[in-house]
Amino acid sequence: LAVNPRKRWRELMEARRPLYTEVARAVVGTGGRT
């Protein structure tokens, strides 16, 4: 995330989201939660 971290994070998530979902038994959103 060293260069243009916001753009790079989005790119990483586009590539990785399907893989995270593939291995997960459950998906837990963290937004708005402690």
PDB file of all heavy atoms in Angstrom:
ATOM      1  N   LEU A   1       0.822  -1.209   0.000  1.00  0.00           N
ATOM      2  CA  LEU A   1       0.000   0.000   0.000  1.00  0.00           C
ATOM      3  C   LEU A   1       0.858   1.263   0.000  1.00  0.00           C
ATOM      4  O   LEU A   1       0.373   2.345   0.265  1.00  0.00           O
ATOM      5  CB  LEU A   1      -0.929   0.011   1.227  1.00  0.00           C
ATOM      6  CG  LEU A   1      -1.921  -1.147   1.327  1.00  0.00           C
ATOM      7  CD1 LEU A   1      -2.736  -1.026   2.610  1.00  0.00           C
ATOM      8  CD2 LEU A   1      -2.830  -1.207   0.123  1.00  0.00           C
ATOM      9  N   ALA A   2       2.139   1.122  -0.308  1.00  0.00           N
ATOM     10  CA  ALA A   2       3.067   2.244  -0.201  1.00  0.00           C
ATOM     11  C   ALA A   2       2.788   3.366  -1.190  1.00  0.00           C
ATOM     12  O   ALA A   2       2.935   4.530  -0.871  1.00  0.00           O
ATOM     13  CB  ALA A   2       4.500   1.748  -0.366  1.00  0.00           C
ATOM     14  N   VAL A   3       2.393   3.029  -2.405  1.00  0.00           N
ATOM     15  CA  VAL A   3       2.146   4.043  -3.429  1.00  0.00           C
ATOM     16  C   VAL A   3       0.646   4.092  -3.712  1.00  0.00           C
ATOM     17  O   VAL A   3       0.041   3.066  -4.019  1.00  0.00           O
ATOM     18  CB  VAL A   3       2.919   3.699  -4.726  1.00  0.00           C
ATOM     19  CG1 VAL A   3       2.626   4.708  -5.820  1.00  0.00           C
ATOM     20  CG2 VAL A   3       4.406   3.624  -4.443  1.00  0.00           C
ATOM     21  N   ASN A   4       0.055   5.280  -3.600  1.00  0.00           N
ATOM     22  CA  ASN A   4      -1.371   5.485  -3.816  1.00  0.00           C
ATOM     23  C   ASN A   4      -2.185   4.434  -3.057  1.00  0.00           C
ATOM     24  O   ASN A   4      -2.826   3.573  -3.665  1.00  0.00           O
ATOM     25  CB  ASN A   4      -1.709   5.467  -5.309  1.00  0.00           C
ATOM     26  CG  ASN A   4      -3.086   6.046  -5.581  1.00  0.00           C
ATOM     27  OD1 ASN A   4      -3.896   6.231  -4.676  1.00  0.00           O
ATOM     28  ND2 ASN A   4      -3.355   6.317  -6.848  1.00  0.00           N
ATOM     29  N   PRO A   5      -2.174   4.473  -1.730  1.00  0.00           N
ATOM     30  CA  PRO A   5      -2.772   3.409  -0.933  1.00  0.00           C
ATOM     31  C   PRO A   5      -4.264   3.179  -1.173  1.00  0.00           C
ATOM     32  O   PRO A   5      -4.707   2.050  -1.163  1.00  0.00           O
ATOM     33  CB  PRO A   5      -2.504   3.825   0.509  1.00  0.00           C
ATOM     34  CG  PRO A   5      -2.018   5.216   0.457  1.00  0.00           C
ATOM     35  CD  PRO A   5      -1.538   5.494  -0.915  1.00  0.00           C
ATOM     36  N   ARG A   6      -5.031   4.226  -1.397  1.00  0.00           N
ATOM     37  CA  ARG A   6      -6.474   4.029  -1.621  1.00  0.00           C
ATOM     38  C   ARG A   6      -6.724   3.247  -2.909  1.00  0.00           C
ATOM     39  O   ARG A   6      -7.496   2.292  -2.917  1.00  0.00           O
ATOM     40  CB  ARG A   6      -7.202   5.366  -1.667  1.00  0.00           C
ATOM     41  CG  ARG A   6      -7.266   6.055  -0.334  1.00  0.00           C
ATOM     42  CD  ARG A   6      -7.822   7.474  -0.477  1.00  0.00           C
ATOM     43  NE  ARG A   6      -7.567   8.235   0.709  1.00  0.00           N
ATOM     44  CZ  ARG A   6      -8.469   8.473   1.646  1.00  0.00           C
ATOM     45  NH1 ARG A   6      -9.687   8.033   1.507  1.00  0.00           N
ATOM     46  NH2 ARG A   6      -8.155   9.168   2.716  1.00  0.00           N
ATOM     47  N   LYS A   7      -6.057   3.643  -3.966  1.00  0.00           N
ATOM     48  CA  LYS A   7      -6.230   2.950  -5.242  1.00  0.00           C
ATOM     49  C   LYS A   7      -5.715   1.518  -5.138  1.00  0.00           C
ATOM     50  O   LYS A   7      -6.364   0.574  -5.596  1.00  0.00           O
ATOM     51  CB  LYS A   7      -5.477   3.697  -6.350  1.00  0.00           C
ATOM     52  CG  LYS A   7      -5.586   3.025  -7.700  1.00  0.00           C
ATOM     53  CD  LYS A   7      -4.822   3.782  -8.771  1.00  0.00           C
ATOM     54  CE  LYS A   7      -4.985   3.059 -10.086  1.00  0.00           C
ATOM     55  NZ  LYS A   7      -3.807   3.065 -10.885  1.00  0.00           N
ATOM     56  N   ARG A   8      -4.559   1.362  -4.520  1.00  0.00           N
ATOM     57  CA  ARG A   8      -3.967   0.029  -4.400  1.00  0.00           C
ATOM     58  C   ARG A   8      -4.826  -0.883  -3.536  1.00  0.00           C
ATOM     59  O   ARG A   8      -4.996  -2.056  -3.844  1.00  0.00           O
ATOM     60  CB  ARG A   8      -2.548   0.155  -3.812  1.00  0.00           C
ATOM     61  CG  ARG A   8      -1.793  -1.134  -3.805  1.00  0.00           C
ATOM     62  CD  ARG A   8      -1.468  -1.607  -5.227  1.00  0.00           C
ATOM     63  NE  ARG A   8      -0.785  -2.878  -5.119  1.00  0.00           N
ATOM     64  CZ  ARG A   8      -1.169  -4.001  -5.707  1.00  0.00           C
ATOM     65  NH1 ARG A   8      -2.213  -4.011  -6.491  1.00  0.00           N
ATOM     66  NH2 ARG A   8      -0.513  -5.119  -5.527  1.00  0.00           N
ATOM     67  N   TRP A   9      -5.412  -0.357  -2.453  1.00  0.00           N
ATOM     68  CA  TRP A   9      -6.283  -1.158  -1.589  1.00  0.00           C
ATOM     69  C   TRP A   9      -7.491  -1.647  -2.394  1.00  0.00           C
ATOM     70  O   TRP A   9      -7.876  -2.809  -2.293  1.00  0.00           O
ATOM     71  CB  TRP A   9      -6.718  -0.334  -0.378  1.00  0.00           C
ATOM     72  CG  TRP A   9      -7.395  -1.144   0.691  1.00  0.00           C
ATOM     73  CD1 TRP A   9      -6.796  -1.746   1.747  1.00  0.00           C
ATOM     74  CD2 TRP A   9      -8.788  -1.446   0.797  1.00  0.00           C
ATOM     75  NE1 TRP A   9      -7.740  -2.403   2.503  1.00  0.00           N
ATOM     76  CE2 TRP A   9      -8.964  -2.238   1.947  1.00  0.00           C
ATOM     77  CE3 TRP A   9      -9.909  -1.129   0.034  1.00  0.00           C
ATOM     78  CZ2 TRP A   9     -10.210  -2.711   2.350  1.00  0.00           C
ATOM     79  CZ3 TRP A   9     -11.153  -1.606   0.431  1.00  0.00           C
ATOM     80  CH2 TRP A   9     -11.294  -2.384   1.579  1.00  0.00           C
ATOM     81  N   ARG A  10      -8.078  -0.754  -3.193  1.00  0.00           N
ATOM     82  CA  ARG A  10      -9.223  -1.152  -4.034  1.00  0.00           C
ATOM     83  C   ARG A  10      -8.831  -2.275  -4.991  1.00  0.00           C
ATOM     84  O   ARG A  10      -9.571  -3.237  -5.179  1.00  0.00           O
ATOM     85  CB  ARG A  10      -9.750   0.042  -4.836  1.00  0.00           C
ATOM     86  CG  ARG A  10     -10.667   0.940  -4.078  1.00  0.00           C
ATOM     87  CD  ARG A  10     -11.361   1.932  -5.041  1.00  0.00           C
ATOM     88  NE  ARG A  10     -11.877   3.045  -4.295  1.00  0.00           N
ATOM     89  CZ  ARG A  10     -11.270   4.220  -4.171  1.00  0.00           C
ATOM     90  NH1 ARG A  10     -10.133   4.457  -4.772  1.00  0.00           N
ATOM     91  NH2 ARG A  10     -11.807   5.180  -3.463  1.00  0.00           N
ATOM     92  N   GLU A  11      -7.662  -2.143  -5.619  1.00  0.00           N
ATOM     93  CA  GLU A  11      -7.181  -3.174  -6.549  1.00  0.00           C
ATOM     94  C   GLU A  11      -6.957  -4.499  -5.828  1.00  0.00           C
ATOM     95  O   GLU A  11      -7.334  -5.562  -6.349  1.00  0.00           O
ATOM     96  CB  GLU A  11      -5.889  -2.714  -7.227  1.00  0.00           C
ATOM     97  CG  GLU A  11      -6.075  -1.558  -8.171  1.00  0.00           C
ATOM     98  CD  GLU A  11      -4.756  -0.917  -8.614  1.00  0.00           C
ATOM     99  OE1 GLU A  11      -3.681  -1.297  -8.092  1.00  0.00           O
ATOM    100  OE2 GLU A  11      -4.814  -0.037  -9.486  1.00  0.00           O
ATOM    101  N   LEU A  12      -6.349  -4.441  -4.647  1.00  0.00           N
ATOM    102  CA  LEU A  12      -6.134  -5.656  -3.865  1.00  0.00           C
ATOM    103  C   LEU A  12      -7.466  -6.327  -3.541  1.00  0.00           C
ATOM    104  O   LEU A  12      -7.604  -7.546  -3.657  1.00  0.00           O
ATOM    105  CB  LEU A  12      -5.379  -5.356  -2.568  1.00  0.00           C
ATOM    106  CG  LEU A  12      -3.909  -4.989  -2.682  1.00  0.00           C
ATOM    107  CD1 LEU A  12      -3.351  -4.589  -1.313  1.00  0.00           C
ATOM    108  CD2 LEU A  12      -3.100  -6.126  -3.263  1.00  0.00           C
ATOM    109  N   MET A  13      -8.436  -5.532  -3.136  1.00  0.00           N
ATOM    110  CA  MET A  13      -9.741  -6.097  -2.778  1.00  0.00           C
ATOM    111  C   MET A  13     -10.456  -6.696  -3.985  1.00  0.00           C
ATOM    112  O   MET A  13     -11.112  -7.726  -3.858  1.00  0.00           O
ATOM    113  CB  MET A  13     -10.625  -5.054  -2.099  1.00  0.00           C
ATOM    114  CG  MET A  13     -10.325  -4.902  -0.635  1.00  0.00           C
ATOM    115  SD  MET A  13     -10.419  -6.465   0.304  1.00  0.00           S
ATOM    116  CE  MET A  13     -12.169  -6.784   0.262  1.00  0.00           C
ATOM    117  N   GLU A  14     -10.344  -6.063  -5.139  1.00  0.00           N
ATOM    118  CA  GLU A  14     -10.954  -6.639  -6.346  1.00  0.00           C
ATOM    119  C   GLU A  14     -10.380  -8.014  -6.633  1.00  0.00           C
ATOM    120  O   GLU A  14     -11.100  -8.937  -7.003  1.00  0.00           O
ATOM    121  CB  GLU A  14     -10.742  -5.713  -7.551  1.00  0.00           C
ATOM    122  CG  GLU A  14     -11.625  -4.492  -7.547  1.00  0.00           C
ATOM    123  CD  GLU A  14     -11.314  -3.540  -8.709  1.00  0.00           C
ATOM    124  OE1 GLU A  14     -10.746  -3.994  -9.728  1.00  0.00           O
ATOM    125  OE2 GLU A  14     -11.652  -2.359  -8.581  1.00  0.00           O
ATOM    126  N   ALA A  15      -9.079  -8.170  -6.457  1.00  0.00           N
ATOM    127  CA  ALA A  15      -8.420  -9.451  -6.706  1.00  0.00           C
ATOM    128  C   ALA A  15      -8.683 -10.458  -5.593  1.00  0.00           C
ATOM    129  O   ALA A  15      -8.842 -11.655  -5.853  1.00  0.00           O
ATOM    130  CB  ALA A  15      -6.914  -9.241  -6.874  1.00  0.00           C
ATOM    131  N   ARG A  16      -8.737  -9.993  -4.360  1.00  0.00           N
ATOM    132  CA  ARG A  16      -8.789 -10.909  -3.223  1.00  0.00           C
ATOM    133  C   ARG A  16     -10.187 -11.228  -2.708  1.00  0.00           C
ATOM    134  O   ARG A  16     -10.390 -12.299  -2.135  1.00  0.00           O
ATOM    135  CB  ARG A  16      -7.955 -10.340  -2.065  1.00  0.00           C
ATOM    136  CG  ARG A  16      -6.478 -10.268  -2.388  1.00  0.00           C
ATOM    137  CD  ARG A  16      -5.719  -9.620  -1.254  1.00  0.00           C
ATOM    138  NE  ARG A  16      -4.293  -9.506  -1.563  1.00  0.00           N
ATOM    139  CZ  ARG A  16      -3.424  -8.934  -0.765  1.00  0.00           C
ATOM    140  NH1 ARG A  16      -3.815  -8.412   0.390  1.00  0.00           N
ATOM    141  NH2 ARG A  16      -2.149  -8.867  -1.118  1.00  0.00           N
ATOM    142  N   ARG A  17     -11.147 -10.329  -2.878  1.00  0.00           N
ATOM    143  CA  ARG A  17     -12.498 -10.555  -2.323  1.00  0.00           C
ATOM    144  C   ARG A  17     -13.057 -11.926  -2.717  1.00  0.00           C
ATOM    145  O   ARG A  17     -13.541 -12.662  -1.846  1.00  0.00           O
ATOM    146  CB  ARG A  17     -13.463  -9.442  -2.713  1.00  0.00           C
ATOM    147  CG  ARG A  17     -14.861  -9.640  -2.098  1.00  0.00           C
ATOM    148  CD  ARG A  17     -15.800  -8.501  -2.453  1.00  0.00           C
ATOM    149  NE  ARG A  17     -15.332  -7.227  -1.948  1.00  0.00           N
ATOM    150  CZ  ARG A  17     -15.496  -6.792  -0.697  1.00  0.00           C
ATOM    151  NH1 ARG A  17     -16.093  -7.562   0.190  1.00  0.00           N
ATOM    152  NH2 ARG A  17     -15.058  -5.613  -0.333  1.00  0.00           N
ATOM    153  N   PRO A  18     -12.988 -12.326  -3.991  1.00  0.00           N
ATOM    154  CA  PRO A  18     -13.522 -13.653  -4.332  1.00  0.00           C
ATOM    155  C   PRO A  18     -12.785 -14.786  -3.612  1.00  0.00           C
ATOM    156  O   PRO A  18     -13.390 -15.812  -3.287  1.00  0.00           O
ATOM    157  CB  PRO A  18     -13.304 -13.759  -5.840  1.00  0.00           C
ATOM    158  CG  PRO A  18     -13.089 -12.370  -6.323  1.00  0.00           C
ATOM    159  CD  PRO A  18     -12.523 -11.599  -5.168  1.00  0.00           C
ATOM    160  N   LEU A  19     -11.500 -14.598  -3.334  1.00  0.00           N
ATOM    161  CA  LEU A  19     -10.713 -15.629  -2.657  1.00  0.00           C
ATOM    162  C   LEU A  19     -11.046 -15.673  -1.163  1.00  0.00           C
ATOM    163  O   LEU A  19     -11.144 -16.758  -0.575  1.00  0.00           O
ATOM    164  CB  LEU A  19      -9.224 -15.396  -2.884  1.00  0.00           C
ATOM    165  CG  LEU A  19      -8.805 -15.337  -4.356  1.00  0.00           C
ATOM    166  CD1 LEU A  19      -7.329 -15.021  -4.487  1.00  0.00           C
ATOM    167  CD2 LEU A  19      -9.167 -16.616  -5.087  1.00  0.00           C
ATOM    168  N   TYR A  20     -11.220 -14.501  -0.550  1.00  0.00           N
ATOM    169  CA  TYR A  20     -11.646 -14.466   0.852  1.00  0.00           C
ATOM    170  C   TYR A  20     -12.996 -15.176   0.992  1.00  0.00           C
ATOM    171  O   TYR A  20     -13.207 -15.972   1.903  1.00  0.00           O
ATOM    172  CB  TYR A  20     -11.800 -13.024   1.358  1.00  0.00           C
ATOM    173  CG  TYR A  20     -10.531 -12.215   1.482  1.00  0.00           C
ATOM    174  CD1 TYR A  20     -10.506 -10.883   1.089  1.00  0.00           C
ATOM    175  CD2 TYR A  20      -9.366 -12.754   2.021  1.00  0.00           C
ATOM    176  CE1 TYR A  20      -9.362 -10.111   1.221  1.00  0.00           C
ATOM    177  CE2 TYR A  20      -8.209 -11.997   2.148  1.00  0.00           C
ATOM    178  CZ  TYR A  20      -8.217 -10.668   1.749  1.00  0.00           C
ATOM    179  OH  TYR A  20      -7.087  -9.909   1.881  1.00  0.00           O
ATOM    180  N   THR A  21     -13.898 -14.863   0.079  1.00  0.00           N
ATOM    181  CA  THR A  21     -15.229 -15.460   0.118  1.00  0.00           C
ATOM    182  C   THR A  21     -15.168 -16.966  -0.121  1.00  0.00           C
ATOM    183  O   THR A  21     -15.887 -17.732   0.527  1.00  0.00           O
ATOM    184  CB  THR A  21     -16.135 -14.778  -0.929  1.00  0.00           C
ATOM    185  OG1 THR A  21     -16.141 -13.371  -0.662  1.00  0.00           O
ATOM    186  CG2 THR A  21     -17.550 -15.292  -0.865  1.00  0.00           C
ATOM    187  N   GLU A  22     -14.301 -17.390  -1.034  1.00  0.00           N
ATOM    188  CA  GLU A  22     -14.152 -18.814  -1.348  1.00  0.00           C
ATOM    189  C   GLU A  22     -13.758 -19.634  -0.124  1.00  0.00           C
ATOM    190  O   GLU A  22     -14.283 -20.729   0.092  1.00  0.00           O
ATOM    191  CB  GLU A  22     -13.087 -18.984  -2.439  1.00  0.00           C
ATOM    192  CG  GLU A  22     -12.727 -20.411  -2.781  1.00  0.00           C
ATOM    193  CD  GLU A  22     -11.529 -20.488  -3.716  1.00  0.00           C
ATOM    194  OE1 GLU A  22     -11.386 -19.617  -4.600  1.00  0.00           O
ATOM    195  OE2 GLU A  22     -10.720 -21.425  -3.558  1.00  0.00           O
ATOM    196  N   VAL A  23     -12.839 -19.129   0.686  1.00  0.00           N
ATOM    197  CA  VAL A  23     -12.340 -19.906   1.826  1.00  0.00           C
ATOM    198  C   VAL A  23     -13.188 -19.738   3.086  1.00  0.00           C
ATOM    199  O   VAL A  23     -13.038 -20.509   4.031  1.00  0.00           O
ATOM    200  CB  VAL A  23     -10.862 -19.572   2.160  1.00  0.00           C
ATOM    201  CG1 VAL A  23      -9.958 -19.867   0.979  1.00  0.00           C
ATOM    202  CG2 VAL A  23     -10.703 -18.142   2.644  1.00  0.00           C
ATOM    203  N   ALA A  24     -14.071 -18.754   3.113  1.00  0.00           N
ATOM    204  CA  ALA A  24     -14.791 -18.412   4.337  1.00  0.00           C
ATOM    205  C   ALA A  24     -16.028 -19.263   4.570  1.00  0.00           C
ATOM    206  O   ALA A  24     -16.822 -19.486   3.662  1.00  0.00           O
ATOM    207  CB  ALA A  24     -15.183 -16.939   4.305  1.00  0.00           C
ATOM    208  N   ARG A  25     -16.163 -19.688   5.798  1.00  0.00           N
ATOM    209  CA  ARG A  25     -17.401 -20.324   6.244  1.00  0.00           C
ATOM    210  C   ARG A  25     -18.422 -19.229   6.555  1.00  0.00           C
ATOM    211  O   ARG A  25     -19.621 -19.441   6.451  1.00  0.00           O
ATOM    212  CB  ARG A  25     -17.138 -21.170   7.481  1.00  0.00           C
ATOM    213  CG  ARG A  25     -18.339 -21.944   7.961  1.00  0.00           C
ATOM    214  CD  ARG A  25     -18.028 -22.808   9.163  1.00  0.00           C
ATOM    215  NE  ARG A  25     -17.079 -23.856   8.839  1.00  0.00           N
ATOM    216  CZ  ARG A  25     -16.562 -24.686   9.739  1.00  0.00           C
ATOM    217  NH1 ARG A  25     -16.910 -24.590  11.010  1.00  0.00           N
ATOM    218  NH2 ARG A  25     -15.707 -25.609   9.390  1.00  0.00           N
ATOM    219  N   ALA A  26     -17.928 -18.054   6.964  1.00  0.00           N
ATOM    220  CA  ALA A  26     -18.792 -16.927   7.303  1.00  0.00           C
ATOM    221  C   ALA A  26     -18.102 -15.626   6.906  1.00  0.00           C
ATOM    222  O   ALA A  26     -16.883 -15.537   6.914  1.00  0.00           O
ATOM    223  CB  ALA A  26     -19.085 -16.915   8.807  1.00  0.00           C
ATOM    224  N   VAL A  27     -18.915 -14.635   6.556  1.00  0.00           N
ATOM    225  CA  VAL A  27     -18.431 -13.292   6.257  1.00  0.00           C
ATOM    226  C   VAL A  27     -19.035 -12.366   7.308  1.00  0.00           C
ATOM    227  O   VAL A  27     -20.248 -12.364   7.510  1.00  0.00           O
ATOM    228  CB  VAL A  27     -18.850 -12.830   4.841  1.00  0.00           C
ATOM    229  CG1 VAL A  27     -18.391 -11.395   4.585  1.00  0.00           C
ATOM    230  CG2 VAL A  27     -18.305 -13.778   3.786  1.00  0.00           C
ATOM    231  N   VAL A  28     -18.181 -11.603   7.977  1.00  0.00           N
ATOM    232  CA  VAL A  28     -18.637 -10.679   9.011  1.00  0.00           C
ATOM    233  C   VAL A  28     -18.182  -9.279   8.620  1.00  0.00           C
ATOM    234  O   VAL A  28     -16.988  -9.023   8.496  1.00  0.00           O
ATOM    235  CB  VAL A  28     -18.083 -11.069  10.403  1.00  0.00           C
ATOM    236  CG1 VAL A  28     -18.418  -9.996  11.441  1.00  0.00           C
ATOM    237  CG2 VAL A  28     -18.623 -12.425  10.834  1.00  0.00           C
ATOM    238  N   GLY A  29     -19.145  -8.404   8.408  1.00  0.00           N
ATOM    239  CA  GLY A  29     -18.840  -7.014   8.104  1.00  0.00           C
ATOM    240  C   GLY A  29     -18.420  -6.274   9.360  1.00  0.00           C
ATOM    241  O   GLY A  29     -18.978  -6.511  10.432  1.00  0.00           O
ATOM    242  N   THR A  30     -17.427  -5.411   9.218  1.00  0.00           N
ATOM    243  CA  THR A  30     -16.919  -4.680  10.375  1.00  0.00           C
ATOM    244  C   THR A  30     -17.435  -3.243  10.437  1.00  0.00           C
ATOM    245  O   THR A  30     -17.251  -2.577  11.446  1.00  0.00           O
ATOM    246  CB  THR A  30     -15.377  -4.654  10.373  1.00  0.00           C
ATOM    247  OG1 THR A  30     -14.933  -3.952   9.209  1.00  0.00           O
ATOM    248  CG2 THR A  30     -14.810  -6.065  10.385  1.00  0.00           C
ATOM    249  N   GLY A  31     -18.057  -2.780   9.376  1.00  0.00           N
ATOM    250  CA  GLY A  31     -18.504  -1.395   9.290  1.00  0.00           C
ATOM    251  C   GLY A  31     -19.491  -1.022  10.386  1.00  0.00           C
ATOM    252  O   GLY A  31     -20.465  -1.739  10.627  1.00  0.00           O
ATOM    253  N   GLY A  32     -19.223   0.095  11.064  1.00  0.00           N
ATOM    254  CA  GLY A  32     -20.130   0.607  12.081  1.00  0.00           C
ATOM    255  C   GLY A  32     -20.170  -0.223  13.351  1.00  0.00           C
ATOM    256  O   GLY A  32     -21.054  -0.036  14.179  1.00  0.00           O
ATOM    257  N   ARG A  33     -19.225  -1.145  13.505  1.00  0.00           N
ATOM    258  CA  ARG A  33     -19.201  -2.007  14.695  1.00  0.00           C
ATOM    259  C   ARG A  33     -17.918  -1.780  15.485  1.00  0.00           C
ATOM    260  O   ARG A  33     -16.864  -1.552  14.910  1.00  0.00           O
ATOM    261  CB  ARG A  33     -19.240  -3.477  14.291  1.00  0.00           C
ATOM    262  CG  ARG A  33     -20.545  -3.937  13.714  1.00  0.00           C
ATOM    263  CD  ARG A  33     -20.423  -5.400  13.317  1.00  0.00           C
ATOM    264  NE  ARG A  33     -21.728  -5.998  13.114  1.00  0.00           N
ATOM    265  CZ  ARG A  33     -21.914  -7.168  12.530  1.00  0.00           C
ATOM    266  NH1 ARG A  33     -20.889  -7.884  12.111  1.00  0.00           N
ATOM    267  NH2 ARG A  33     -23.129  -7.652  12.378  1.00  0.00           N
ATOM    268  N   THR A  34     -18.029  -1.918  16.785  1.00  0.00           N
ATOM    269  CA  THR A  34     -16.846  -1.896  17.640  1.00  0.00           C
ATOM    270  C   THR A  34     -16.149  -3.252  17.511  1.00  0.00           C
ATOM    271  O   THR A  34     -16.772  -4.237  17.079  1.00  0.00           O
ATOM    272  CB  THR A  34     -17.228  -1.676  19.120  1.00  0.00           C
ATOM    273  OG1 THR A  34     -17.967  -2.820  19.567  1.00  0.00           O
ATOM    274  CG2 THR A  34     -18.031  -0.395  19.313  1.00  0.00           C
TER     275      THR A  34
END
